[in-house]
Amino acid sequence: MAKIEVIEIPLANIKADPEWNSRSGDHKAQEVETGESGQTFSDLVASIKAKGLDRPVEVMPLDPKKPDSGKYFLISGFRRYSATTQIAEETQNKNPTIMAIVRNVSMAEARRINLAENIQSNVKASDMAWGLLALEDEYKKAGQPTTAEGLAAEVGKHQTHVSLLLRIMHEVKSAITKQWRNLPLQIGLREMAALAKLDKAEQDAAWKTLLDRKQSVEKSDPRKAKVENLKKRAEKVGELIGTLERVGYIETHFEFDSESIAVLVDLPEGLTKKQVESIVKACENGYERGTEEPEAEEPEAEEDAAE
């Protein structure tokens, strides 16, 4: 088992590479709800100011050949690191430190830790796809090629979901997947999977058409209306699954979690935790309605022969 220790480290001695992190974007600018607690970045800063860091960040030696150099590479906890940095700037603390777990691990294991933490924090599908591809590449570099099933077990996700994300990253042109990850537009997995089925020579034109349509929708369709439409779609999907189960066409006990609903309903990126929960609840309501036995119709009363 790899050696683990928790120490207090000067922020200046930690290299934080946002391009390496599987969660994209500027953490200080992100005010969407992330993480199990649904905290925005501002919430996180306020929490650390009031109560301190709730859990350490994770680092590894910057140079594996010099584990005692005192220099480290940030593996996970980029938001906590950014929040602590911001607090130090606001308080004019010239020698800020942060509690950190030091892990003497391989780069592949570091990527796995990073991706696993971000997955627990409501990471975008495009970021998860990028992280899985990067993890897959690290295993290849180490001479330990893995499968979608193996990666799914590593990060705690369904194999079908991991397989879909990897297929998109393998089959869609890298220039397009880079835009998918960085653009603010909400491009769903179903749309990216459709691109993956095209020849690469056809993907640029299809991508441009998709972006034009999305930009038009973004201008005309308010966020509230989008969520309501997604809830209606989720309710119909849930009712269909419940009905098929009730009549014995399928045998399943459907799990109402955000990952399953995201795939079935093709949820866009950028939704808050509360919005996703409302969509999951709509699907659950539809499922319950579908599993209910329909009430038997009462036979019509025969007309009185005397009339």
Protein backbone atom coordinates (compact mmCIF):
# COMPACT_ATOMS: atom_id res chain seq x y z
CA MET A 1 0.00 0.00 0.00
CA ALA A 2 1.26 3.47 -0.92
CA LYS A 3 2.53 5.56 1.99
CA ILE A 4 0.15 8.38 3.03
CA GLU A 5 0.92 11.32 5.30
CA VAL A 6 -0.89 14.58 6.09
CA ILE A 7 1.24 17.70 6.49
CA GLU A 8 0.93 21.47 6.32
CA ILE A 9 2.50 22.74 3.10
CA PRO A 10 3.18 26.33 1.94
CA LEU A 11 1.00 27.15 -1.06
CA ALA A 12 4.13 28.38 -2.83
CA ASN A 13 5.52 24.83 -2.74
CA ILE A 14 2.56 23.31 -4.60
CA LYS A 15 2.26 23.31 -8.38
CA ALA A 16 -1.39 23.44 -9.44
CA ASP A 17 -1.86 22.82 -13.18
CA PRO A 18 -5.46 23.63 -14.24
CA GLU A 19 -4.81 22.08 -17.67
CA TRP A 20 -4.01 18.76 -15.99
CA ASN A 21 -7.12 18.81 -13.79
CA SER A 22 -10.06 16.86 -15.19
CA ARG A 23 -12.46 19.68 -14.20
CA SER A 24 -12.14 22.50 -16.71
CA GLY A 25 -12.76 26.21 -16.26
CA ASP A 26 -11.82 28.96 -13.87
CA HIS A 27 -12.70 27.79 -10.33
CA LYS A 28 -12.90 31.35 -9.05
CA ALA A 29 -15.44 32.24 -11.75
CA GLN A 30 -17.62 29.16 -11.28
CA GLU A 31 -20.73 30.03 -9.32
CA VAL A 32 -22.67 26.90 -10.28
CA GLU A 33 -23.46 24.40 -7.55
CA THR A 34 -20.85 21.65 -7.38
CA GLY A 35 -19.92 18.91 -4.97
CA GLU A 36 -22.11 16.83 -2.71
CA SER A 37 -22.98 19.90 -0.63
CA GLY A 38 -24.02 21.94 -3.67
CA GLN A 39 -21.56 24.73 -2.72
CA THR A 40 -20.73 27.53 -5.11
CA PHE A 41 -17.17 28.80 -5.09
CA SER A 42 -18.24 31.82 -3.02
CA ASP A 43 -19.89 29.45 -0.52
CA LEU A 44 -16.66 27.45 -0.29
CA VAL A 45 -14.56 30.57 0.37
CA ALA A 46 -16.98 31.69 3.09
CA SER A 47 -16.98 28.22 4.67
CA ILE A 48 -13.18 28.02 4.82
CA LYS A 49 -13.01 31.52 6.32
CA ALA A 50 -15.49 30.55 9.02
CA LYS A 51 -14.55 26.97 9.83
CA GLY A 52 -11.30 26.19 8.06
CA LEU A 53 -10.66 23.50 5.48
CA ASP A 54 -13.07 20.59 5.87
CA ARG A 55 -10.67 18.11 4.29
CA PRO A 56 -7.09 18.24 2.98
CA VAL A 57 -6.11 18.55 -0.64
CA GLU A 58 -4.06 15.71 -2.15
CA VAL A 59 -0.57 16.10 -3.58
CA MET A 60 2.31 13.98 -4.83
CA PRO A 61 6.04 14.80 -4.97
CA LEU A 62 6.70 17.13 -7.89
CA ASP A 63 9.72 15.01 -8.81
CA PRO A 64 9.17 11.32 -7.94
CA LYS A 65 12.94 10.89 -7.89
CA LYS A 66 13.20 13.54 -5.13
CA PRO A 67 10.30 12.75 -2.78
CA ASP A 68 11.85 14.78 0.05
CA SER A 69 12.39 17.99 -1.94
CA GLY A 70 9.43 19.74 -0.30
CA LYS A 71 7.93 20.54 -3.71
CA TYR A 72 4.58 19.00 -4.64
CA PHE A 73 2.12 18.56 -7.50
CA LEU A 74 -1.59 19.06 -6.78
CA ILE A 75 -3.65 15.92 -7.49
CA SER A 76 -7.09 16.82 -6.14
CA GLY A 77 -8.77 19.67 -4.31
CA PHE A 78 -8.29 22.38 -6.94
CA ARG A 79 -11.31 24.37 -5.72
CA ARG A 80 -10.11 24.18 -2.10
CA TYR A 81 -6.63 25.21 -3.23
CA SER A 82 -8.04 28.15 -5.25
CA ALA A 83 -10.29 29.21 -2.37
CA THR A 84 -7.38 29.10 0.10
CA THR A 85 -5.26 31.12 -2.34
CA GLN A 86 -8.01 33.74 -2.67
CA ILE A 87 -8.37 34.02 1.11
CA ALA A 88 -4.61 34.51 1.44
CA GLU A 89 -4.76 37.32 -1.12
CA GLU A 90 -7.70 38.98 0.62
CA THR A 91 -6.06 38.80 4.04
CA GLN A 92 -2.62 39.70 2.67
CA ASN A 93 -1.16 36.54 4.17
CA LYS A 94 2.34 36.39 2.73
CA ASN A 95 3.06 32.80 3.85
CA PRO A 96 -0.18 30.85 3.41
CA THR A 97 -0.24 27.11 3.98
CA ILE A 98 -2.71 24.31 3.37
CA MET A 99 -3.23 20.87 4.89
CA ALA A 100 -2.47 18.16 2.35
CA ILE A 101 -2.36 14.40 2.03
CA VAL A 102 0.93 13.40 0.42
CA ARG A 103 0.64 10.39 -1.84
CA ASN A 104 3.63 8.63 -3.37
CA VAL A 105 1.75 7.33 -6.39
CA SER A 106 2.16 6.89 -10.14
CA MET A 107 0.79 9.48 -12.56
CA ALA A 108 -1.92 7.00 -13.59
CA GLU A 109 -3.04 6.64 -9.97
CA ALA A 110 -2.89 10.42 -9.55
CA ARG A 111 -5.22 10.84 -12.52
CA ARG A 112 -7.58 8.23 -11.12
CA ILE A 113 -7.75 10.05 -7.77
CA ASN A 114 -8.35 13.38 -9.51
CA LEU A 115 -11.09 12.04 -11.78
CA ALA A 116 -12.81 10.11 -8.99
CA GLU A 117 -13.05 13.24 -6.83
CA ASN A 118 -14.36 15.39 -9.66
CA ILE A 119 -16.94 12.76 -10.61
CA GLN A 120 -18.32 13.00 -7.07
CA SER A 121 -18.59 16.77 -7.56
CA ASN A 122 -21.08 16.81 -10.44
CA VAL A 123 -18.43 17.14 -13.14
CA LYS A 124 -19.51 17.84 -16.74
CA ALA A 125 -19.80 14.86 -19.08
CA SER A 126 -17.20 16.43 -21.38
CA ASP A 127 -14.75 16.77 -18.47
CA MET A 128 -15.39 13.18 -17.41
CA ALA A 129 -14.77 12.01 -20.98
CA TRP A 130 -11.51 13.97 -21.14
CA GLY A 131 -10.43 12.60 -17.76
CA LEU A 132 -11.17 9.02 -18.76
CA LEU A 133 -9.17 9.38 -21.97
CA ALA A 134 -6.25 10.90 -20.04
CA LEU A 135 -6.39 8.06 -17.51
CA GLU A 136 -6.52 5.49 -20.30
CA ASP A 137 -3.46 7.11 -21.90
CA GLU A 138 -1.53 7.02 -18.63
CA TYR A 139 -2.14 3.29 -18.27
CA LYS A 140 -0.95 2.76 -21.85
CA LYS A 141 2.24 4.74 -21.15
CA ALA A 142 2.85 2.54 -18.11
CA GLY A 143 2.43 -0.59 -20.23
CA GLN A 144 -0.83 -1.45 -18.45
CA PRO A 145 -3.59 -1.08 -21.08
CA THR A 146 -7.06 -1.24 -19.59
CA THR A 147 -10.67 -1.61 -20.75
CA ALA A 148 -13.84 0.42 -20.33
CA GLU A 149 -14.94 -2.13 -17.75
CA GLY A 150 -11.71 -1.67 -15.83
CA LEU A 151 -11.91 2.12 -15.94
CA ALA A 152 -15.53 2.04 -14.83
CA ALA A 153 -14.53 0.04 -11.76
CA GLU A 154 -11.63 2.42 -11.10
CA VAL A 155 -13.80 5.56 -10.97
CA GLY A 156 -17.06 4.02 -9.73
CA LYS A 157 -19.25 4.61 -12.79
CA HIS A 158 -21.42 2.37 -14.96
CA GLN A 159 -19.54 0.55 -17.72
CA THR A 160 -22.05 1.58 -20.40
CA HIS A 161 -21.59 5.24 -19.49
CA VAL A 162 -17.79 4.97 -19.54
CA SER A 163 -17.89 3.08 -22.85
CA LEU A 164 -20.01 5.80 -24.44
CA LEU A 165 -17.71 8.59 -23.25
CA LEU A 166 -14.59 6.80 -24.48
CA ARG A 167 -16.20 6.03 -27.83
CA ILE A 168 -16.93 9.74 -28.27
CA MET A 169 -13.34 10.67 -27.40
CA HIS A 170 -11.90 8.02 -29.73
CA GLU A 171 -14.20 8.55 -32.71
CA VAL A 172 -14.84 12.32 -32.72
CA LYS A 173 -12.09 14.65 -33.94
CA SER A 174 -9.98 16.03 -31.11
CA ALA A 175 -10.58 19.64 -32.21
CA ILE A 176 -14.32 19.06 -31.76
CA THR A 177 -14.06 17.33 -28.37
CA LYS A 178 -11.86 20.20 -27.18
CA GLN A 179 -14.57 22.68 -28.12
CA TRP A 180 -17.20 20.43 -26.52
CA ARG A 181 -15.28 20.66 -23.27
CA ASN A 182 -14.56 24.39 -23.34
CA LEU A 183 -17.63 25.98 -24.93
CA PRO A 184 -20.43 27.15 -22.60
CA LEU A 185 -23.09 25.65 -24.89
CA GLN A 186 -24.93 22.61 -23.57
CA ILE A 187 -24.16 19.71 -25.93
CA GLY A 188 -25.71 16.41 -24.80
CA LEU A 189 -24.24 12.93 -24.96
CA ARG A 190 -26.79 11.80 -27.53
CA GLU A 191 -25.65 14.55 -29.89
CA MET A 192 -21.98 13.72 -29.38
CA ALA A 193 -22.68 10.01 -29.88
CA ALA A 194 -24.35 10.85 -33.19
CA LEU A 195 -21.21 12.72 -34.27
CA ALA A 196 -19.10 9.68 -33.33
CA LYS A 197 -21.03 7.60 -35.87
CA LEU A 198 -20.05 9.91 -38.75
CA ASP A 199 -16.90 9.71 -40.81
CA LYS A 200 -14.38 12.26 -39.56
CA ALA A 201 -14.59 14.05 -42.90
CA GLU A 202 -18.28 14.76 -42.20
CA GLN A 203 -17.92 15.76 -38.56
CA ASP A 204 -16.85 19.40 -39.04
CA ALA A 205 -19.96 20.31 -41.02
CA ALA A 206 -22.25 18.41 -38.63
CA TRP A 207 -20.60 20.09 -35.64
CA LYS A 208 -21.06 23.57 -37.15
CA THR A 209 -24.74 22.84 -37.80
CA LEU A 210 -25.16 21.62 -34.23
CA LEU A 211 -23.45 24.71 -32.78
CA ASP A 212 -25.58 27.06 -34.90
CA ARG A 213 -28.75 25.34 -33.71
CA LYS A 214 -27.64 25.37 -30.06
CA GLN A 215 -26.72 29.04 -30.18
CA SER A 216 -30.14 29.84 -31.60
CA VAL A 217 -31.85 27.84 -28.85
CA GLU A 218 -29.73 29.49 -26.15
CA LYS A 219 -30.92 32.91 -27.26
CA SER A 220 -34.60 32.02 -27.49
CA ASP A 221 -35.17 29.41 -24.78
CA PRO A 222 -34.82 30.62 -21.14
CA ARG A 223 -33.18 28.28 -18.61
CA LYS A 224 -36.43 27.78 -16.69
CA ALA A 225 -38.27 26.61 -19.80
CA LYS A 226 -35.43 24.17 -20.57
CA VAL A 227 -35.62 22.59 -17.13
CA GLU A 228 -39.41 22.26 -17.38
CA ASN A 229 -39.09 20.57 -20.77
CA LEU A 230 -36.47 18.20 -19.35
CA LYS A 231 -38.75 17.35 -16.44
CA LYS A 232 -41.60 16.52 -18.84
CA ARG A 233 -39.27 14.33 -20.90
CA ALA A 234 -37.98 12.58 -17.77
CA GLU A 235 -41.52 11.95 -16.57
CA LYS A 236 -42.46 10.31 -19.87
CA VAL A 237 -39.31 8.16 -19.82
CA GLY A 238 -40.01 7.07 -16.26
CA GLU A 239 -43.63 6.24 -17.06
CA LEU A 240 -42.58 4.15 -20.07
CA ILE A 241 -40.08 2.15 -17.99
CA GLY A 242 -42.67 1.62 -15.26
CA THR A 243 -45.30 0.48 -17.74
CA LEU A 244 -42.95 -1.97 -19.46
CA GLU A 245 -41.98 -3.39 -16.08
CA ARG A 246 -45.62 -3.68 -14.96
CA VAL A 247 -46.71 -5.65 -18.03
CA GLY A 248 -43.69 -7.96 -17.75
CA TYR A 249 -41.99 -6.80 -20.93
CA ILE A 250 -38.80 -6.02 -19.01
CA GLU A 251 -37.49 -7.14 -15.64
CA THR A 252 -35.76 -4.35 -13.79
CA HIS A 253 -35.80 -2.33 -10.64
CA PHE A 254 -34.85 1.05 -11.99
CA GLU A 255 -32.40 3.15 -9.94
CA PHE A 256 -33.20 6.84 -9.84
CA ASP A 257 -29.76 8.44 -9.80
CA SER A 258 -28.50 11.44 -11.74
CA GLU A 259 -26.15 9.34 -13.90
CA SER A 260 -28.91 7.02 -15.15
CA ILE A 261 -31.30 9.91 -15.80
CA ALA A 262 -28.56 11.89 -17.57
CA VAL A 263 -28.15 9.08 -20.11
CA LEU A 264 -31.86 8.28 -20.55
CA VAL A 265 -33.03 11.88 -20.82
CA ASP A 266 -29.83 13.26 -22.40
CA LEU A 267 -29.38 16.00 -19.81
CA PRO A 268 -27.33 18.99 -20.95
CA GLU A 269 -24.32 20.22 -19.02
CA GLY A 270 -24.41 23.19 -16.68
CA LEU A 271 -27.48 22.25 -14.63
CA THR A 272 -27.36 22.90 -10.90
CA LYS A 273 -27.66 20.09 -8.38
CA LYS A 274 -31.20 21.21 -7.48
CA GLN A 275 -32.27 21.25 -11.13
CA VAL A 276 -30.94 17.73 -11.66
CA GLU A 277 -32.71 16.54 -8.51
CA SER A 278 -36.02 17.98 -9.76
CA ILE A 279 -35.60 16.16 -13.08
CA VAL A 280 -34.76 12.89 -11.31
CA LYS A 281 -37.86 13.32 -9.14
CA ALA A 282 -40.01 13.87 -12.23
CA CYS A 283 -38.71 10.62 -13.72
CA GLU A 284 -39.44 8.82 -10.45
CA ASN A 285 -43.00 10.17 -10.42
CA GLY A 286 -43.54 8.99 -13.98
CA TYR A 287 -42.14 5.56 -13.13
CA GLU A 288 -44.50 5.18 -10.16
CA ARG A 289 -47.45 6.14 -12.34
CA GLY A 290 -46.39 3.59 -14.96
CA THR A 291 -46.15 0.76 -12.42
CA GLU A 292 -49.64 1.41 -11.06
CA GLU A 293 -52.30 -1.01 -12.21
CA PRO A 294 -54.98 0.86 -14.17
CA GLU A 295 -58.36 0.96 -12.50
CA ALA A 296 -60.86 -1.46 -13.99
CA GLU A 297 -63.65 0.27 -15.83
CA GLU A 298 -67.05 -0.26 -14.30
CA PRO A 299 -69.51 -1.92 -16.71
CA GLU A 300 -72.15 0.39 -17.97
CA ALA A 301 -75.54 -0.15 -16.33
CA GLU A 302 -78.03 -1.88 -18.55
CA GLU A 303 -80.94 0.20 -19.58
CA ASP A 304 -84.09 -0.48 -17.63
CA ALA A 305 -86.31 -2.64 -19.86
CA ALA A 306 -89.33 -0.92 -18.46
CA GLU A 307 -88.28 2.45 -19.87
